[in-house]
Structure formats: C-alpha cells, structure tokens
N, C-alpha and C. Protein backbone atom coordinates (compact mmCIF):
# COMPACT_ATOMS: atom_id res chain seq x y z
N UNK A 1 14.67 -5.35 3.07
CA UNK A 1 15.24 -6.48 2.38
C UNK A 1 14.14 -7.45 1.99
N UNK A 2 14.33 -8.16 0.92
CA UNK A 2 13.36 -9.17 0.50
C UNK A 2 13.94 -10.56 0.78
N UNK A 3 13.04 -11.51 0.96
CA UNK A 3 13.47 -12.89 1.20
C UNK A 3 12.38 -13.85 0.75
N UNK A 4 12.80 -15.07 0.52
CA UNK A 4 11.86 -16.15 0.24
C UNK A 4 11.93 -17.12 1.41
N UNK A 5 10.95 -17.98 1.50
CA UNK A 5 10.82 -18.91 2.63
C UNK A 5 12.10 -19.68 2.94
N UNK A 6 12.84 -20.06 1.92
CA UNK A 6 14.06 -20.85 2.16
C UNK A 6 15.18 -20.03 2.80
N UNK A 7 14.99 -18.74 2.97
CA UNK A 7 15.99 -17.87 3.61
C UNK A 7 15.52 -17.37 4.98
N UNK A 8 14.45 -17.94 5.48
CA UNK A 8 13.88 -17.43 6.74
C UNK A 8 14.84 -17.60 7.92
N UNK A 9 15.69 -18.63 7.87
CA UNK A 9 16.66 -18.83 8.97
C UNK A 9 17.59 -17.61 9.08
N UNK A 10 18.03 -17.10 7.94
CA UNK A 10 18.93 -15.93 7.93
C UNK A 10 18.21 -14.69 8.44
N UNK A 11 16.96 -14.51 8.04
CA UNK A 11 16.18 -13.35 8.49
C UNK A 11 15.97 -13.41 10.00
N UNK A 12 15.60 -14.57 10.52
CA UNK A 12 15.39 -14.74 11.96
C UNK A 12 16.67 -14.43 12.72
N UNK A 13 17.79 -14.94 12.26
CA UNK A 13 19.07 -14.70 12.93
C UNK A 13 19.42 -13.22 12.93
N UNK A 14 19.15 -12.56 11.82
CA UNK A 14 19.45 -11.12 11.73
C UNK A 14 18.61 -10.33 12.73
N UNK A 15 17.35 -10.69 12.87
CA UNK A 15 16.49 -10.00 13.84
C UNK A 15 16.99 -10.25 15.26
N UNK A 16 17.31 -11.49 15.58
CA UNK A 16 17.81 -11.82 16.92
C UNK A 16 19.07 -11.01 17.23
N UNK A 17 19.95 -10.90 16.26
CA UNK A 17 21.21 -10.17 16.45
C UNK A 17 21.06 -8.66 16.43
N UNK A 18 20.00 -8.15 15.79
CA UNK A 18 19.83 -6.72 15.58
C UNK A 18 18.87 -6.08 16.57
N UNK A 19 17.93 -6.83 17.09
CA UNK A 19 16.87 -6.26 17.94
C UNK A 19 17.46 -5.47 19.09
N UNK A 20 16.91 -4.29 19.29
CA UNK A 20 17.38 -3.40 20.35
C UNK A 20 16.78 -3.76 21.71
N UNK A 21 15.80 -4.65 21.70
CA UNK A 21 15.17 -5.11 22.93
C UNK A 21 14.51 -6.44 22.64
N UNK A 22 13.91 -7.04 23.65
CA UNK A 22 13.27 -8.35 23.48
C UNK A 22 11.77 -8.27 23.23
N UNK A 23 11.23 -7.07 23.17
CA UNK A 23 9.80 -6.90 22.87
C UNK A 23 9.66 -6.59 21.39
N UNK A 24 9.15 -7.56 20.64
CA UNK A 24 9.10 -7.44 19.19
C UNK A 24 7.66 -7.33 18.70
N UNK A 25 7.39 -6.33 17.88
CA UNK A 25 6.07 -6.12 17.29
C UNK A 25 6.13 -6.50 15.82
N UNK A 26 5.30 -7.45 15.43
CA UNK A 26 5.26 -7.94 14.05
C UNK A 26 4.02 -7.38 13.36
N UNK A 27 4.24 -6.57 12.33
CA UNK A 27 3.16 -5.98 11.55
C UNK A 27 3.14 -6.61 10.17
N UNK A 28 1.95 -6.81 9.64
CA UNK A 28 1.82 -7.34 8.29
C UNK A 28 0.45 -7.94 8.10
N UNK A 29 0.04 -8.08 6.85
CA UNK A 29 -1.28 -8.64 6.57
C UNK A 29 -1.36 -10.12 6.92
N UNK A 30 -2.57 -10.62 6.99
CA UNK A 30 -2.81 -12.05 7.19
C UNK A 30 -2.06 -12.81 6.11
N UNK A 31 -1.34 -13.85 6.51
CA UNK A 31 -0.62 -14.67 5.55
C UNK A 31 0.75 -14.15 5.15
N UNK A 32 1.21 -13.09 5.79
CA UNK A 32 2.52 -12.52 5.44
C UNK A 32 3.69 -13.35 5.96
N UNK A 33 3.45 -14.16 6.98
CA UNK A 33 4.51 -15.00 7.52
C UNK A 33 5.00 -14.58 8.89
N UNK A 34 4.20 -13.83 9.63
CA UNK A 34 4.60 -13.39 10.96
C UNK A 34 4.84 -14.59 11.88
N UNK A 35 3.87 -15.50 11.93
CA UNK A 35 3.99 -16.68 12.80
C UNK A 35 5.14 -17.57 12.34
N UNK A 36 5.30 -17.72 11.05
CA UNK A 36 6.39 -18.55 10.52
C UNK A 36 7.74 -18.00 10.94
N UNK A 37 7.89 -16.70 10.90
CA UNK A 37 9.15 -16.07 11.33
C UNK A 37 9.36 -16.25 12.83
N UNK A 38 8.31 -16.09 13.61
CA UNK A 38 8.42 -16.29 15.06
C UNK A 38 8.79 -17.74 15.37
N UNK A 39 8.20 -18.70 14.65
CA UNK A 39 8.56 -20.11 14.85
C UNK A 39 10.05 -20.32 14.66
N UNK A 40 10.60 -19.72 13.62
CA UNK A 40 12.03 -19.89 13.35
C UNK A 40 12.87 -19.22 14.42
N UNK A 41 12.44 -18.05 14.90
CA UNK A 41 13.19 -17.37 15.96
C UNK A 41 13.19 -18.21 17.24
N UNK A 42 12.04 -18.76 17.60
CA UNK A 42 11.96 -19.61 18.80
C UNK A 42 12.88 -20.82 18.65
N UNK A 43 12.89 -21.40 17.46
CA UNK A 43 13.78 -22.54 17.21
C UNK A 43 15.24 -22.13 17.42
N UNK A 44 15.63 -21.00 16.85
CA UNK A 44 17.02 -20.55 16.97
C UNK A 44 17.38 -20.12 18.38
N UNK A 45 16.41 -19.73 19.17
CA UNK A 45 16.65 -19.33 20.56
C UNK A 45 16.59 -20.53 21.51
N UNK A 46 16.66 -21.73 20.96
CA UNK A 46 16.67 -22.98 21.73
C UNK A 46 15.34 -23.32 22.37
N UNK A 47 14.25 -23.01 21.68
CA UNK A 47 12.93 -23.37 22.19
C UNK A 47 12.79 -24.88 22.32
N UNK A 48 12.13 -25.30 23.38
CA UNK A 48 11.98 -26.73 23.65
C UNK A 48 10.97 -27.39 22.73
N UNK A 49 10.03 -26.61 22.22
CA UNK A 49 9.03 -27.17 21.31
C UNK A 49 8.77 -26.16 20.20
N UNK A 50 8.08 -26.63 19.18
CA UNK A 50 7.80 -25.75 18.05
C UNK A 50 6.77 -24.70 18.44
N UNK A 51 7.02 -23.48 18.03
CA UNK A 51 6.07 -22.40 18.27
C UNK A 51 4.88 -22.56 17.34
N UNK A 52 3.72 -22.09 17.80
CA UNK A 52 2.55 -22.07 16.93
C UNK A 52 1.70 -20.86 17.26
N UNK A 53 0.77 -20.58 16.40
CA UNK A 53 -0.04 -19.37 16.55
C UNK A 53 -0.97 -19.45 17.75
N UNK A 54 -0.97 -18.42 18.59
CA UNK A 54 -1.88 -18.38 19.73
C UNK A 54 -3.20 -17.67 19.40
N UNK A 55 -3.62 -17.72 18.14
CA UNK A 55 -4.79 -16.96 17.71
C UNK A 55 -5.99 -17.15 18.63
N UNK A 56 -6.29 -18.37 19.02
CA UNK A 56 -7.50 -18.60 19.83
C UNK A 56 -7.23 -18.44 21.32
N UNK A 57 -6.03 -18.67 21.75
CA UNK A 57 -5.71 -18.53 23.16
C UNK A 57 -5.10 -17.18 23.49
N UNK A 58 -4.82 -16.37 22.52
CA UNK A 58 -4.21 -15.04 22.60
C UNK A 58 -2.72 -15.09 22.95
N UNK A 59 -2.31 -15.98 23.88
CA UNK A 59 -0.90 -16.02 24.28
C UNK A 59 -0.40 -17.46 24.42
N UNK A 60 0.80 -17.69 23.94
CA UNK A 60 1.50 -18.97 24.15
C UNK A 60 2.77 -18.68 24.94
N UNK A 61 3.13 -19.62 25.79
CA UNK A 61 4.36 -19.52 26.57
C UNK A 61 5.35 -20.53 26.01
N UNK A 62 6.58 -20.09 25.77
CA UNK A 62 7.61 -20.97 25.25
C UNK A 62 8.72 -21.11 26.28
N UNK A 63 9.29 -22.31 26.33
CA UNK A 63 10.39 -22.60 27.25
C UNK A 63 11.63 -22.99 26.48
N UNK A 64 12.77 -22.84 27.13
CA UNK A 64 14.02 -23.32 26.54
C UNK A 64 14.12 -24.81 26.79
N UNK A 65 15.08 -25.44 26.17
CA UNK A 65 15.28 -26.88 26.37
C UNK A 65 15.67 -27.20 27.80
N UNK A 66 16.22 -26.20 28.52
CA UNK A 66 16.57 -26.43 29.92
C UNK A 66 15.40 -26.17 30.87
N UNK A 67 14.25 -25.71 30.31
CA UNK A 67 13.05 -25.55 31.12
C UNK A 67 12.73 -24.13 31.54
N UNK A 68 13.63 -23.19 31.34
CA UNK A 68 13.32 -21.81 31.74
C UNK A 68 12.42 -21.16 30.69
N UNK A 69 11.76 -20.08 31.08
CA UNK A 69 10.86 -19.40 30.15
C UNK A 69 11.68 -18.66 29.10
N UNK A 70 11.42 -18.96 27.84
CA UNK A 70 12.06 -18.28 26.72
C UNK A 70 11.31 -17.01 26.38
N UNK A 71 9.98 -17.10 26.37
CA UNK A 71 9.19 -15.92 26.03
C UNK A 71 7.72 -16.21 25.85
N UNK A 72 7.02 -15.17 25.42
CA UNK A 72 5.58 -15.23 25.22
C UNK A 72 5.25 -14.74 23.83
N UNK A 73 4.28 -15.37 23.21
CA UNK A 73 3.85 -15.07 21.86
C UNK A 73 2.39 -14.65 21.91
N UNK A 74 2.13 -13.40 21.60
CA UNK A 74 0.77 -12.87 21.62
C UNK A 74 0.25 -12.70 20.20
N UNK A 75 -1.00 -13.02 20.00
CA UNK A 75 -1.69 -12.74 18.75
C UNK A 75 -2.95 -11.98 19.12
N UNK A 76 -2.95 -10.67 18.87
CA UNK A 76 -4.04 -9.81 19.29
C UNK A 76 -5.14 -9.66 18.23
N UNK A 77 -5.07 -10.44 17.18
CA UNK A 77 -6.01 -10.31 16.07
C UNK A 77 -7.47 -10.37 16.50
N UNK A 78 -7.79 -11.24 17.41
CA UNK A 78 -9.19 -11.46 17.79
C UNK A 78 -9.71 -10.49 18.85
N UNK A 79 -8.88 -9.61 19.36
CA UNK A 79 -9.36 -8.67 20.38
C UNK A 79 -10.37 -7.70 19.77
N UNK A 80 -11.45 -7.49 20.47
CA UNK A 80 -12.48 -6.54 20.02
C UNK A 80 -12.17 -5.14 20.52
N UNK A 81 -11.55 -5.07 21.69
CA UNK A 81 -11.24 -3.79 22.32
C UNK A 81 -9.86 -3.92 22.96
N UNK A 82 -9.03 -2.89 22.80
CA UNK A 82 -7.66 -3.01 23.30
C UNK A 82 -7.58 -3.19 24.82
N UNK A 83 -8.60 -2.78 25.55
CA UNK A 83 -8.55 -2.95 27.00
C UNK A 83 -8.64 -4.42 27.41
N UNK A 84 -9.05 -5.30 26.49
CA UNK A 84 -9.09 -6.73 26.79
C UNK A 84 -7.71 -7.25 27.16
N UNK A 85 -6.67 -6.57 26.70
CA UNK A 85 -5.31 -7.00 26.99
C UNK A 85 -5.01 -6.92 28.49
N UNK A 86 -5.71 -6.03 29.18
CA UNK A 86 -5.52 -5.90 30.63
C UNK A 86 -6.01 -7.15 31.35
N UNK A 87 -7.06 -7.78 30.83
CA UNK A 87 -7.59 -9.01 31.43
C UNK A 87 -6.59 -10.16 31.34
N UNK A 88 -5.67 -10.07 30.40
CA UNK A 88 -4.64 -11.11 30.22
C UNK A 88 -3.49 -10.94 31.20
N UNK A 89 -3.45 -9.81 31.89
CA UNK A 89 -2.29 -9.51 32.75
C UNK A 89 -1.09 -9.13 31.91
N UNK A 90 -1.32 -8.45 30.80
CA UNK A 90 -0.28 -8.12 29.83
C UNK A 90 0.93 -7.44 30.47
N UNK A 91 0.70 -6.51 31.38
CA UNK A 91 1.82 -5.81 32.03
C UNK A 91 2.73 -6.76 32.79
N UNK A 92 2.15 -7.81 33.38
CA UNK A 92 2.97 -8.79 34.11
C UNK A 92 3.91 -9.54 33.16
N UNK A 93 3.42 -9.84 31.97
CA UNK A 93 4.27 -10.50 30.97
C UNK A 93 5.43 -9.59 30.59
N UNK A 94 5.14 -8.31 30.42
CA UNK A 94 6.16 -7.36 29.98
C UNK A 94 7.24 -7.10 31.03
N UNK A 95 6.93 -7.36 32.29
CA UNK A 95 7.88 -7.09 33.37
C UNK A 95 8.89 -8.20 33.58
N UNK A 96 8.95 -9.14 32.66
CA UNK A 96 9.91 -10.23 32.75
C UNK A 96 11.01 -10.03 31.71
N UNK A 97 12.18 -10.53 31.98
CA UNK A 97 13.29 -10.42 31.03
C UNK A 97 13.29 -11.63 30.10
N UNK A 98 12.26 -11.67 29.24
CA UNK A 98 12.10 -12.75 28.27
C UNK A 98 11.68 -12.14 26.94
N UNK A 99 11.71 -12.94 25.90
CA UNK A 99 11.28 -12.47 24.59
C UNK A 99 9.76 -12.33 24.57
N UNK A 100 9.28 -11.24 23.97
CA UNK A 100 7.86 -10.99 23.79
C UNK A 100 7.63 -10.81 22.29
N UNK A 101 6.90 -11.74 21.70
CA UNK A 101 6.58 -11.70 20.28
C UNK A 101 5.12 -11.27 20.15
N UNK A 102 4.85 -10.15 19.48
CA UNK A 102 3.48 -9.64 19.39
C UNK A 102 3.03 -9.53 17.94
N UNK A 103 2.00 -10.29 17.59
CA UNK A 103 1.36 -10.17 16.28
C UNK A 103 0.13 -9.28 16.42
N UNK A 104 -0.12 -8.47 15.43
CA UNK A 104 -1.21 -7.52 15.41
C UNK A 104 -1.13 -6.52 16.57
N UNK A 105 0.06 -5.95 16.83
CA UNK A 105 0.20 -5.01 17.95
C UNK A 105 -0.60 -3.72 17.75
N UNK A 106 -0.98 -3.43 16.51
CA UNK A 106 -1.79 -2.23 16.27
C UNK A 106 -3.14 -2.30 16.97
N UNK A 107 -3.56 -3.49 17.38
CA UNK A 107 -4.82 -3.66 18.09
C UNK A 107 -4.74 -3.22 19.56
N UNK A 108 -3.50 -3.01 20.07
CA UNK A 108 -3.34 -2.61 21.48
C UNK A 108 -2.40 -1.40 21.59
N UNK A 109 -2.48 -0.50 20.64
CA UNK A 109 -1.54 0.63 20.56
C UNK A 109 -1.30 1.33 21.90
N UNK A 110 -2.35 1.59 22.65
CA UNK A 110 -2.23 2.33 23.91
C UNK A 110 -1.45 1.58 24.98
N UNK A 111 -1.32 0.26 24.84
CA UNK A 111 -0.71 -0.55 25.88
C UNK A 111 0.67 -1.10 25.50
N UNK A 112 1.15 -0.73 24.32
CA UNK A 112 2.48 -1.20 23.92
C UNK A 112 3.54 -0.55 24.78
N UNK A 113 4.58 -1.30 25.14
CA UNK A 113 5.67 -0.69 25.90
C UNK A 113 6.38 0.36 25.03
N UNK A 114 7.05 1.30 25.67
CA UNK A 114 7.75 2.34 24.93
C UNK A 114 8.92 1.77 24.13
N UNK A 115 9.57 0.79 24.70
CA UNK A 115 10.76 0.21 24.05
C UNK A 115 10.36 -1.08 23.34
N UNK A 116 10.12 -0.99 22.04
CA UNK A 116 9.80 -2.16 21.22
C UNK A 116 10.63 -2.13 19.95
N UNK A 117 10.79 -3.28 19.36
CA UNK A 117 11.49 -3.43 18.08
C UNK A 117 10.42 -3.79 17.04
N UNK A 118 10.19 -2.88 16.10
CA UNK A 118 9.13 -3.06 15.12
C UNK A 118 9.63 -3.79 13.88
N UNK A 119 8.83 -4.75 13.43
CA UNK A 119 9.14 -5.55 12.25
C UNK A 119 7.93 -5.50 11.33
N UNK A 120 8.14 -5.03 10.12
CA UNK A 120 7.06 -4.93 9.13
C UNK A 120 7.32 -5.95 8.03
N UNK A 121 6.33 -6.80 7.76
CA UNK A 121 6.45 -7.80 6.69
C UNK A 121 5.39 -7.48 5.64
N UNK A 122 5.81 -7.38 4.39
CA UNK A 122 4.89 -7.12 3.29
C UNK A 122 4.99 -8.24 2.27
N UNK A 123 3.88 -8.51 1.61
CA UNK A 123 3.84 -9.51 0.56
C UNK A 123 4.28 -8.87 -0.75
N UNK A 124 5.35 -9.38 -1.34
CA UNK A 124 5.79 -8.91 -2.65
C UNK A 124 5.08 -9.73 -3.73
N UNK A 125 5.03 -11.03 -3.54
CA UNK A 125 4.33 -11.96 -4.42
C UNK A 125 4.10 -13.22 -3.58
N UNK A 126 3.51 -14.28 -4.15
CA UNK A 126 3.19 -15.45 -3.32
C UNK A 126 4.38 -16.10 -2.61
N UNK A 127 5.60 -15.90 -3.07
CA UNK A 127 6.75 -16.56 -2.43
C UNK A 127 7.78 -15.59 -1.88
N UNK A 128 7.60 -14.30 -2.08
CA UNK A 128 8.60 -13.32 -1.66
C UNK A 128 8.00 -12.33 -0.67
N UNK A 129 8.77 -12.03 0.37
CA UNK A 129 8.36 -11.08 1.39
C UNK A 129 9.39 -9.94 1.47
N UNK A 130 8.90 -8.76 1.82
CA UNK A 130 9.77 -7.62 2.09
C UNK A 130 9.67 -7.35 3.58
N UNK A 131 10.81 -7.28 4.24
CA UNK A 131 10.81 -7.05 5.68
C UNK A 131 11.65 -5.82 6.00
N UNK A 132 11.15 -5.02 6.90
CA UNK A 132 11.90 -3.86 7.38
C UNK A 132 11.82 -3.87 8.90
N UNK A 133 12.90 -3.45 9.53
CA UNK A 133 12.92 -3.31 10.99
C UNK A 133 13.95 -2.27 11.38
C-alpha cells in the first residue's frame, strides 16, 4: 500500500493491529520514514514521551504513561560488526514481553529472533511511501 505523511496514523494503527508479534523489523533506505513511523506507533501505544532515533545510542527505552516499559527502539545502522549487538545485551531485551522496534535489522541478521514482523518501506517520490508487511 502507498501512503503520504498525513496518513501515517492509519498506517501505524494497521501495523499495531496486524503484527503477528511485538518484534518489528523496519527495512528501508535512509530517509524512508522508519523512525517517523515508529514515533507514531509509540504515540498510539500510549508512550509517555515522543520517540526519537537512537542512532548514536543504538537503543532507546520507551515507557507508557503509567510508567511501565512499552518497548525498545534499536537503530543498528552504525554497527560495524553484527556481534556488537551481543555487547548491548540484545537477547535480554528480546526476552521481555514488550514492543521491539528494529531499524536496519539486516545489520544483525544472525541474531534476529525467529518470530519477527517485517515491514518494508520504499520511497515512491518525495512525499509518497510504499509499505509492505
């Protein structure tokens, strides 16, 4: 399906309602809108604060408005070697019943859980995206 930025709320809701699990892998080129979509999903899932890209910190932790952990947002773009994910304690994050949002999951192929929901975002033009999941 294709969408423009003003329809991102509908796309986020559809993913939340359709996802077969809470571990989500977001694929797409730089600037495709992966982080923007994750921000909207966190907002719709009652996130206490606005989500932002964890590019430099690799992982961000999000909480609900009631204070419980909503999920973790990983951006693996800067990893040089996929084994670096082990230094983050990645498996410990996966063993929780929370949302896991992963950008650039292709950088850690060997360590991805078996049960993930894949989301591919492609640039159609400067304002339109094609998303498949």
